[in-house]
PDB file of all heavy atoms in Angstrom:
ATOM      1  N   PRO A   1     -33.981  31.398-109.088  1.00  0.00           N
ATOM      2  CA  PRO A   1     -35.401  31.532-109.429  1.00  0.00           C
ATOM      3  C   PRO A   1     -36.259  31.217-108.207  1.00  0.00           C
ATOM      4  O   PRO A   1     -35.880  30.402-107.359  1.00  0.00           O
ATOM      5  CB  PRO A   1     -35.602  30.475-110.530  1.00  0.00           C
ATOM      6  CG  PRO A   1     -34.246  30.268-111.113  1.00  0.00           C
ATOM      7  CD  PRO A   1     -33.285  30.444-109.967  1.00  0.00           C
ATOM      8  N   ARG A   2     -37.402  31.841-108.107  1.00  0.00           N
ATOM      9  CA  ARG A   2     -38.233  31.689-106.915  1.00  0.00           C
ATOM     10  C   ARG A   2     -38.612  30.244-106.635  1.00  0.00           C
ATOM     11  O   ARG A   2     -38.709  29.833-105.476  1.00  0.00           O
ATOM     12  CB  ARG A   2     -39.500  32.542-107.049  1.00  0.00           C
ATOM     13  CG  ARG A   2     -39.208  34.027-107.103  1.00  0.00           C
ATOM     14  CD  ARG A   2     -40.469  34.835-107.101  1.00  0.00           C
ATOM     15  NE  ARG A   2     -40.189  36.255-107.333  1.00  0.00           N
ATOM     16  CZ  ARG A   2     -41.094  37.204-107.307  1.00  0.00           C
ATOM     17  NH1 ARG A   2     -42.366  36.884-107.087  1.00  0.00           N
ATOM     18  NH2 ARG A   2     -40.765  38.455-107.526  1.00  0.00           N
ATOM     19  N   ASN A   3     -38.840  29.468-107.708  1.00  0.00           N
ATOM     20  CA  ASN A   3     -39.264  28.086-107.486  1.00  0.00           C
ATOM     21  C   ASN A   3     -38.113  27.179-107.057  1.00  0.00           C
ATOM     22  O   ASN A   3     -38.330  26.027-106.682  1.00  0.00           O
ATOM     23  CB  ASN A   3     -39.926  27.526-108.752  1.00  0.00           C
ATOM     24  CG  ASN A   3     -38.988  27.511-109.954  1.00  0.00           C
ATOM     25  OD1 ASN A   3     -37.968  28.193-109.960  1.00  0.00           O
ATOM     26  ND2 ASN A   3     -39.322  26.735-110.959  1.00  0.00           N
ATOM     27  N   LYS A   4     -36.892  27.706-107.099  1.00  0.00           N
ATOM     28  CA  LYS A   4     -35.727  26.931-106.661  1.00  0.00           C
ATOM     29  C   LYS A   4     -35.072  27.542-105.432  1.00  0.00           C
ATOM     30  O   LYS A   4     -34.090  27.001-104.919  1.00  0.00           O
ATOM     31  CB  LYS A   4     -34.704  26.839-107.796  1.00  0.00           C
ATOM     32  CG  LYS A   4     -35.200  26.075-109.012  1.00  0.00           C
ATOM     33  CD  LYS A   4     -34.110  25.975-110.074  1.00  0.00           C
ATOM     34  CE  LYS A   4     -34.597  25.199-111.290  1.00  0.00           C
ATOM     35  NZ  LYS A   4     -33.557  25.098-112.345  1.00  0.00           N
ATOM     36  N   ARG A   5     -35.599  28.642-104.988  1.00  0.00           N
ATOM     37  CA  ARG A   5     -34.993  29.385-103.879  1.00  0.00           C
ATOM     38  C   ARG A   5     -35.629  28.997-102.553  1.00  0.00           C
ATOM     39  O   ARG A   5     -36.849  28.844-102.461  1.00  0.00           O
ATOM     40  CB  ARG A   5     -35.165  30.888-104.130  1.00  0.00           C
ATOM     41  CG  ARG A   5     -34.415  31.772-103.173  1.00  0.00           C
ATOM     42  CD  ARG A   5     -34.410  33.197-103.714  1.00  0.00           C
ATOM     43  NE  ARG A   5     -35.738  33.781-103.796  1.00  0.00           N
ATOM     44  CZ  ARG A   5     -36.127  34.632-104.729  1.00  0.00           C
ATOM     45  NH1 ARG A   5     -35.297  34.997-105.693  1.00  0.00           N
ATOM     46  NH2 ARG A   5     -37.339  35.131-104.730  1.00  0.00           N
ATOM     47  N   ALA A   6     -34.801  28.819-101.548  1.00  0.00           N
ATOM     48  CA  ALA A   6     -35.314  28.495-100.214  1.00  0.00           C
ATOM     49  C   ALA A   6     -36.095  29.674 -99.651  1.00  0.00           C
ATOM     50  O   ALA A   6     -35.877  30.823-100.040  1.00  0.00           O
ATOM     51  CB  ALA A   6     -34.158  28.136 -99.282  1.00  0.00           C
ATOM     52  N   LYS A   7     -37.010  29.379 -98.752  1.00  0.00           N
ATOM     53  CA  LYS A   7     -37.775  30.431 -98.097  1.00  0.00           C
ATOM     54  C   LYS A   7     -36.870  31.233 -97.175  1.00  0.00           C
ATOM     55  O   LYS A   7     -36.014  30.678 -96.483  1.00  0.00           O
ATOM     56  CB  LYS A   7     -38.919  29.814 -97.281  1.00  0.00           C
ATOM     57  CG  LYS A   7     -39.747  30.821 -96.510  1.00  0.00           C
ATOM     58  CD  LYS A   7     -40.810  30.110 -95.677  1.00  0.00           C
ATOM     59  CE  LYS A   7     -41.595  31.105 -94.817  1.00  0.00           C
ATOM     60  NZ  LYS A   7     -42.612  30.428 -93.987  1.00  0.00           N
ATOM     61  N   ASN A   8     -37.038  32.533 -97.195  1.00  0.00           N
ATOM     62  CA  ASN A   8     -36.277  33.387 -96.288  1.00  0.00           C
ATOM     63  C   ASN A   8     -36.562  32.957 -94.850  1.00  0.00           C
ATOM     64  O   ASN A   8     -37.722  32.915 -94.434  1.00  0.00           O
ATOM     65  CB  ASN A   8     -36.693  34.854 -96.492  1.00  0.00           C
ATOM     66  CG  ASN A   8     -35.804  35.819 -95.736  1.00  0.00           C
ATOM     67  OD1 ASN A   8     -35.182  35.468 -94.743  1.00  0.00           O
ATOM     68  ND2 ASN A   8     -35.747  37.057 -96.200  1.00  0.00           N
ATOM     69  N   PRO A   9     -35.542  32.605 -94.080  1.00  0.00           N
ATOM     70  CA  PRO A   9     -35.782  32.178 -92.689  1.00  0.00           C
ATOM     71  C   PRO A   9     -36.457  33.250 -91.846  1.00  0.00           C
ATOM     72  O   PRO A   9     -37.029  32.946 -90.793  1.00  0.00           O
ATOM     73  CB  PRO A   9     -34.371  31.851 -92.169  1.00  0.00           C
ATOM     74  CG  PRO A   9     -33.434  32.566 -93.094  1.00  0.00           C
ATOM     75  CD  PRO A   9     -34.111  32.585 -94.419  1.00  0.00           C
ATOM     76  N   ARG A  10     -36.409  34.498 -92.321  1.00  0.00           N
ATOM     77  CA  ARG A  10     -37.063  35.587 -91.586  1.00  0.00           C
ATOM     78  C   ARG A  10     -38.441  35.916 -92.150  1.00  0.00           C
ATOM     79  O   ARG A  10     -39.059  36.885 -91.718  1.00  0.00           O
ATOM     80  CB  ARG A  10     -36.200  36.856 -91.641  1.00  0.00           C
ATOM     81  CG  ARG A  10     -34.901  36.776 -90.893  1.00  0.00           C
ATOM     82  CD  ARG A  10     -34.324  38.143 -90.554  1.00  0.00           C
ATOM     83  NE  ARG A  10     -34.556  39.148 -91.547  1.00  0.00           N
ATOM     84  CZ  ARG A  10     -35.352  40.216 -91.358  1.00  0.00           C
ATOM     85  NH1 ARG A  10     -36.001  40.380 -90.229  1.00  0.00           N
ATOM     86  NH2 ARG A  10     -35.497  41.119 -92.318  1.00  0.00           N
ATOM     87  N   GLN A  11     -38.951  35.119 -93.111  1.00  0.00           N
ATOM     88  CA  GLN A  11     -40.189  35.479 -93.787  1.00  0.00           C
ATOM     89  C   GLN A  11     -41.366  35.570 -92.829  1.00  0.00           C
ATOM     90  O   GLN A  11     -42.181  36.489 -92.903  1.00  0.00           O
ATOM     91  CB  GLN A  11     -40.507  34.481 -94.896  1.00  0.00           C
ATOM     92  CG  GLN A  11     -41.624  34.940 -95.817  1.00  0.00           C
ATOM     93  CD  GLN A  11     -41.285  36.254 -96.507  1.00  0.00           C
ATOM     94  OE1 GLN A  11     -40.230  36.368 -97.130  1.00  0.00           O
ATOM     95  NE2 GLN A  11     -42.148  37.254 -96.387  1.00  0.00           N
ATOM     96  N   ASP A  12     -41.467  34.604 -91.911  1.00  0.00           N
ATOM     97  CA  ASP A  12     -42.569  34.647 -90.935  1.00  0.00           C
ATOM     98  C   ASP A  12     -42.477  35.905 -90.075  1.00  0.00           C
ATOM     99  O   ASP A  12     -43.494  36.530 -89.756  1.00  0.00           O
ATOM    100  CB  ASP A  12     -42.543  33.395 -90.042  1.00  0.00           C
ATOM    101  CG  ASP A  12     -42.915  32.134 -90.807  1.00  0.00           C
ATOM    102  OD1 ASP A  12     -43.537  32.261 -91.893  1.00  0.00           O
ATOM    103  OD2 ASP A  12     -42.589  31.035 -90.327  1.00  0.00           O
ATOM    104  N   GLU A  13     -41.249  36.257 -89.710  1.00  0.00           N
ATOM    105  CA  GLU A  13     -41.030  37.473 -88.919  1.00  0.00           C
ATOM    106  C   GLU A  13     -41.408  38.712 -89.720  1.00  0.00           C
ATOM    107  O   GLU A  13     -42.056  39.633 -89.201  1.00  0.00           O
ATOM    108  CB  GLU A  13     -39.563  37.544 -88.500  1.00  0.00           C
ATOM    109  CG  GLU A  13     -39.180  38.806 -87.740  1.00  0.00           C
ATOM    110  CD  GLU A  13     -37.688  38.902 -87.484  1.00  0.00           C
ATOM    111  OE1 GLU A  13     -36.992  37.871 -87.616  1.00  0.00           O
ATOM    112  OE2 GLU A  13     -37.207  40.011 -87.168  1.00  0.00           O
ATOM    113  N   ILE A  14     -41.022  38.725 -91.013  1.00  0.00           N
ATOM    114  CA  ILE A  14     -41.339  39.867 -91.879  1.00  0.00           C
ATOM    115  C   ILE A  14     -42.845  40.002 -92.050  1.00  0.00           C
ATOM    116  O   ILE A  14     -43.394  41.107 -91.966  1.00  0.00           O
ATOM    117  CB  ILE A  14     -40.642  39.701 -93.247  1.00  0.00           C
ATOM    118  CG1 ILE A  14     -39.117  39.789 -93.084  1.00  0.00           C
ATOM    119  CG2 ILE A  14     -41.135  40.742 -94.238  1.00  0.00           C
ATOM    120  CD1 ILE A  14     -38.346  39.414 -94.322  1.00  0.00           C
ATOM    121  N   ASP A  15     -43.533  38.867 -92.289  1.00  0.00           N
ATOM    122  CA  ASP A  15     -44.988  38.893 -92.451  1.00  0.00           C
ATOM    123  C   ASP A  15     -45.675  39.343 -91.169  1.00  0.00           C
ATOM    124  O   ASP A  15     -46.646  40.100 -91.200  1.00  0.00           O
ATOM    125  CB  ASP A  15     -45.497  37.509 -92.853  1.00  0.00           C
ATOM    126  CG  ASP A  15     -45.101  37.137 -94.268  1.00  0.00           C
ATOM    127  OD1 ASP A  15     -44.727  38.045 -95.042  1.00  0.00           O
ATOM    128  OD2 ASP A  15     -45.154  35.937 -94.602  1.00  0.00           O
ATOM    129  N   ALA A  16     -45.155  38.869 -90.026  1.00  0.00           N
ATOM    130  CA  ALA A  16     -45.746  39.246 -88.740  1.00  0.00           C
ATOM    131  C   ALA A  16     -45.581  40.744 -88.487  1.00  0.00           C
ATOM    132  O   ALA A  16     -46.487  41.402 -87.977  1.00  0.00           O
ATOM    133  CB  ALA A  16     -45.098  38.441 -87.609  1.00  0.00           C
ATOM    134  N   GLU A  17     -44.415  41.279 -88.867  1.00  0.00           N
ATOM    135  CA  GLU A  17     -44.177  42.719 -88.697  1.00  0.00           C
ATOM    136  C   GLU A  17     -45.124  43.530 -89.574  1.00  0.00           C
ATOM    137  O   GLU A  17     -45.654  44.555 -89.145  1.00  0.00           O
ATOM    138  CB  GLU A  17     -42.724  43.047 -89.045  1.00  0.00           C
ATOM    139  CG  GLU A  17     -41.717  42.537 -88.020  1.00  0.00           C
ATOM    140  CD  GLU A  17     -40.288  42.764 -88.461  1.00  0.00           C
ATOM    141  OE1 GLU A  17     -40.086  43.205 -89.623  1.00  0.00           O
ATOM    142  OE2 GLU A  17     -39.365  42.507 -87.666  1.00  0.00           O
ATOM    143  N   ALA A  18     -45.349  43.053 -90.804  1.00  0.00           N
ATOM    144  CA  ALA A  18     -46.249  43.760 -91.721  1.00  0.00           C
ATOM    145  C   ALA A  18     -47.678  43.731 -91.192  1.00  0.00           C
ATOM    146  O   ALA A  18     -48.397  44.736 -91.236  1.00  0.00           O
ATOM    147  CB  ALA A  18     -46.186  43.133 -93.110  1.00  0.00           C
ATOM    148  N   LEU A  19     -48.087  42.563 -90.672  1.00  0.00           N
ATOM    149  CA  LEU A  19     -49.434  42.438 -90.128  1.00  0.00           C
ATOM    150  C   LEU A  19     -49.606  43.300 -88.888  1.00  0.00           C
ATOM    151  O   LEU A  19     -50.631  43.959 -88.701  1.00  0.00           O
ATOM    152  CB  LEU A  19     -49.723  40.971 -89.800  1.00  0.00           C
ATOM    153  CG  LEU A  19     -51.128  40.658 -89.279  1.00  0.00           C
ATOM    154  CD1 LEU A  19     -52.177  41.090 -90.300  1.00  0.00           C
ATOM    155  CD2 LEU A  19     -51.267  39.171 -88.977  1.00  0.00           C
ATOM    156  N   ALA A  20     -48.572  43.318 -88.022  1.00  0.00           N
ATOM    157  CA  ALA A  20     -48.637  44.130 -86.810  1.00  0.00           C
ATOM    158  C   ALA A  20     -48.713  45.608 -87.151  1.00  0.00           C
ATOM    159  O   ALA A  20     -49.460  46.367 -86.531  1.00  0.00           O
ATOM    160  CB  ALA A  20     -47.414  43.853 -85.927  1.00  0.00           C
ATOM    161  N   ALA A  21     -47.947  46.026 -88.174  1.00  0.00           N
ATOM    162  CA  ALA A  21     -47.976  47.427 -88.597  1.00  0.00           C
ATOM    163  C   ALA A  21     -49.349  47.797 -89.122  1.00  0.00           C
ATOM    164  O   ALA A  21     -49.863  48.892 -88.862  1.00  0.00           O
ATOM    165  CB  ALA A  21     -46.912  47.673 -89.660  1.00  0.00           C
ATOM    166  N   SER A  22     -49.968  46.867 -89.861  1.00  0.00           N
ATOM    167  CA  SER A  22     -51.306  47.109 -90.397  1.00  0.00           C
ATOM    168  C   SER A  22     -52.317  47.252 -89.269  1.00  0.00           C
ATOM    169  O   SER A  22     -53.170  48.137 -89.273  1.00  0.00           O
ATOM    170  CB  SER A  22     -51.709  45.971 -91.334  1.00  0.00           C
ATOM    171  OG  SER A  22     -53.018  46.164 -91.815  1.00  0.00           O
ATOM    172  N   LYS A  23     -52.201  46.382 -88.257  1.00  0.00           N
ATOM    173  CA  LYS A  23     -53.127  46.434 -87.122  1.00  0.00           C
ATOM    174  C   LYS A  23     -52.936  47.723 -86.326  1.00  0.00           C
ATOM    175  O   LYS A  23     -53.900  48.340 -85.872  1.00  0.00           O
ATOM    176  CB  LYS A  23     -52.915  45.217 -86.219  1.00  0.00           C
ATOM    177  CG  LYS A  23     -53.427  43.908 -86.820  1.00  0.00           C
ATOM    178  CD  LYS A  23     -53.231  42.753 -85.857  1.00  0.00           C
ATOM    179  CE  LYS A  23     -53.799  41.463 -86.420  1.00  0.00           C
ATOM    180  NZ  LYS A  23     -53.599  40.323 -85.499  1.00  0.00           N
ATOM    181  N   MET A  24     -51.679  48.132 -86.165  1.00  0.00           N
ATOM    182  CA  MET A  24     -51.405  49.366 -85.425  1.00  0.00           C
ATOM    183  C   MET A  24     -52.001  50.566 -86.148  1.00  0.00           C
ATOM    184  O   MET A  24     -52.558  51.469 -85.522  1.00  0.00           O
ATOM    185  CB  MET A  24     -49.896  49.554 -85.260  1.00  0.00           C
ATOM    186  CG  MET A  24     -49.244  48.626 -84.260  1.00  0.00           C
ATOM    187  SD  MET A  24     -47.455  48.856 -84.124  1.00  0.00           S
ATOM    188  CE  MET A  24     -47.379  50.538 -83.530  1.00  0.00           C
ATOM    189  N   GLN A  25     -51.915  50.552 -87.499  1.00  0.00           N
ATOM    190  CA  GLN A  25     -52.473  51.655 -88.263  1.00  0.00           C
ATOM    191  C   GLN A  25     -53.993  51.677 -88.136  1.00  0.00           C
ATOM    192  O   GLN A  25     -54.621  52.729 -87.999  1.00  0.00           O
ATOM    193  CB  GLN A  25     -52.081  51.526 -89.728  1.00  0.00           C
ATOM    194  CG  GLN A  25     -52.522  52.717 -90.585  1.00  0.00           C
ATOM    195  CD  GLN A  25     -51.865  54.000 -90.148  1.00  0.00           C
ATOM    196  OE1 GLN A  25     -50.638  54.108 -90.119  1.00  0.00           O
ATOM    197  NE2 GLN A  25     -52.651  55.000 -89.793  1.00  0.00           N
ATOM    198  N   ASN A  26     -54.593  50.458 -88.165  1.00  0.00           N
ATOM    199  CA  ASN A  26     -56.042  50.386 -88.004  1.00  0.00           C
ATOM    200  C   ASN A  26     -56.478  50.911 -86.648  1.00  0.00           C
ATOM    201  O   ASN A  26     -57.485  51.602 -86.529  1.00  0.00           O
ATOM    202  CB  ASN A  26     -56.514  48.931 -88.173  1.00  0.00           C
ATOM    203  CG  ASN A  26     -56.424  48.449 -89.594  1.00  0.00           C
ATOM    204  OD1 ASN A  26     -56.395  49.255 -90.525  1.00  0.00           O
ATOM    205  ND2 ASN A  26     -56.369  47.153 -89.804  1.00  0.00           N
ATOM    206  N   ASP A  27     -55.699  50.548 -85.590  1.00  0.00           N
ATOM    207  CA  ASP A  27     -56.023  51.033 -84.243  1.00  0.00           C
ATOM    208  C   ASP A  27     -55.888  52.551 -84.172  1.00  0.00           C
ATOM    209  O   ASP A  27     -56.687  53.231 -83.533  1.00  0.00           O
ATOM    210  CB  ASP A  27     -55.085  50.375 -83.210  1.00  0.00           C
ATOM    211  CG  ASP A  27     -55.362  48.891 -83.045  1.00  0.00           C
ATOM    212  OD1 ASP A  27     -56.452  48.450 -83.462  1.00  0.00           O
ATOM    213  OD2 ASP A  27     -54.495  48.179 -82.531  1.00  0.00           O
ATOM    214  N   ALA A  28     -54.851  53.079 -84.855  1.00  0.00           N
ATOM    215  CA  ALA A  28     -54.636  54.527 -84.845  1.00  0.00           C
ATOM    216  C   ALA A  28     -55.756  55.253 -85.585  1.00  0.00           C
ATOM    217  O   ALA A  28     -56.135  56.375 -85.242  1.00  0.00           O
ATOM    218  CB  ALA A  28     -53.295  54.870 -85.484  1.00  0.00           C
ATOM    219  N   ASP A  29     -56.304  54.585 -86.627  1.00  0.00           N
ATOM    220  CA  ASP A  29     -57.347  55.206 -87.417  1.00  0.00           C
ATOM    221  C   ASP A  29     -58.735  55.047 -86.799  1.00  0.00           C
ATOM    222  O   ASP A  29     -59.682  55.707 -87.213  1.00  0.00           O
ATOM    223  CB  ASP A  29     -57.395  54.574 -88.827  1.00  0.00           C
ATOM    224  CG  ASP A  29     -56.189  54.989 -89.659  1.00  0.00           C
ATOM    225  OD1 ASP A  29     -55.538  55.961 -89.276  1.00  0.00           O
ATOM    226  OD2 ASP A  29     -55.924  54.330 -90.672  1.00  0.00           O
ATOM    227  N   ALA A  30     -58.851  54.144 -85.802  1.00  0.00           N
ATOM    228  CA  ALA A  30     -60.162  53.875 -85.219  1.00  0.00           C
ATOM    229  C   ALA A  30     -60.686  55.108 -84.487  1.00  0.00           C
ATOM    230  O   ALA A  30     -59.916  55.874 -83.888  1.00  0.00           O
ATOM    231  CB  ALA A  30     -60.060  52.691 -84.264  1.00  0.00           C
TER     232      ALA A  30
END
């Protein structure tokens, strides 16, 4: 269950990749 599960050690990396992809799309759309 999520409340008993450890955080994915790659979660920060995954979030950073998602944010970077979002920023790249915004730059492409600018």
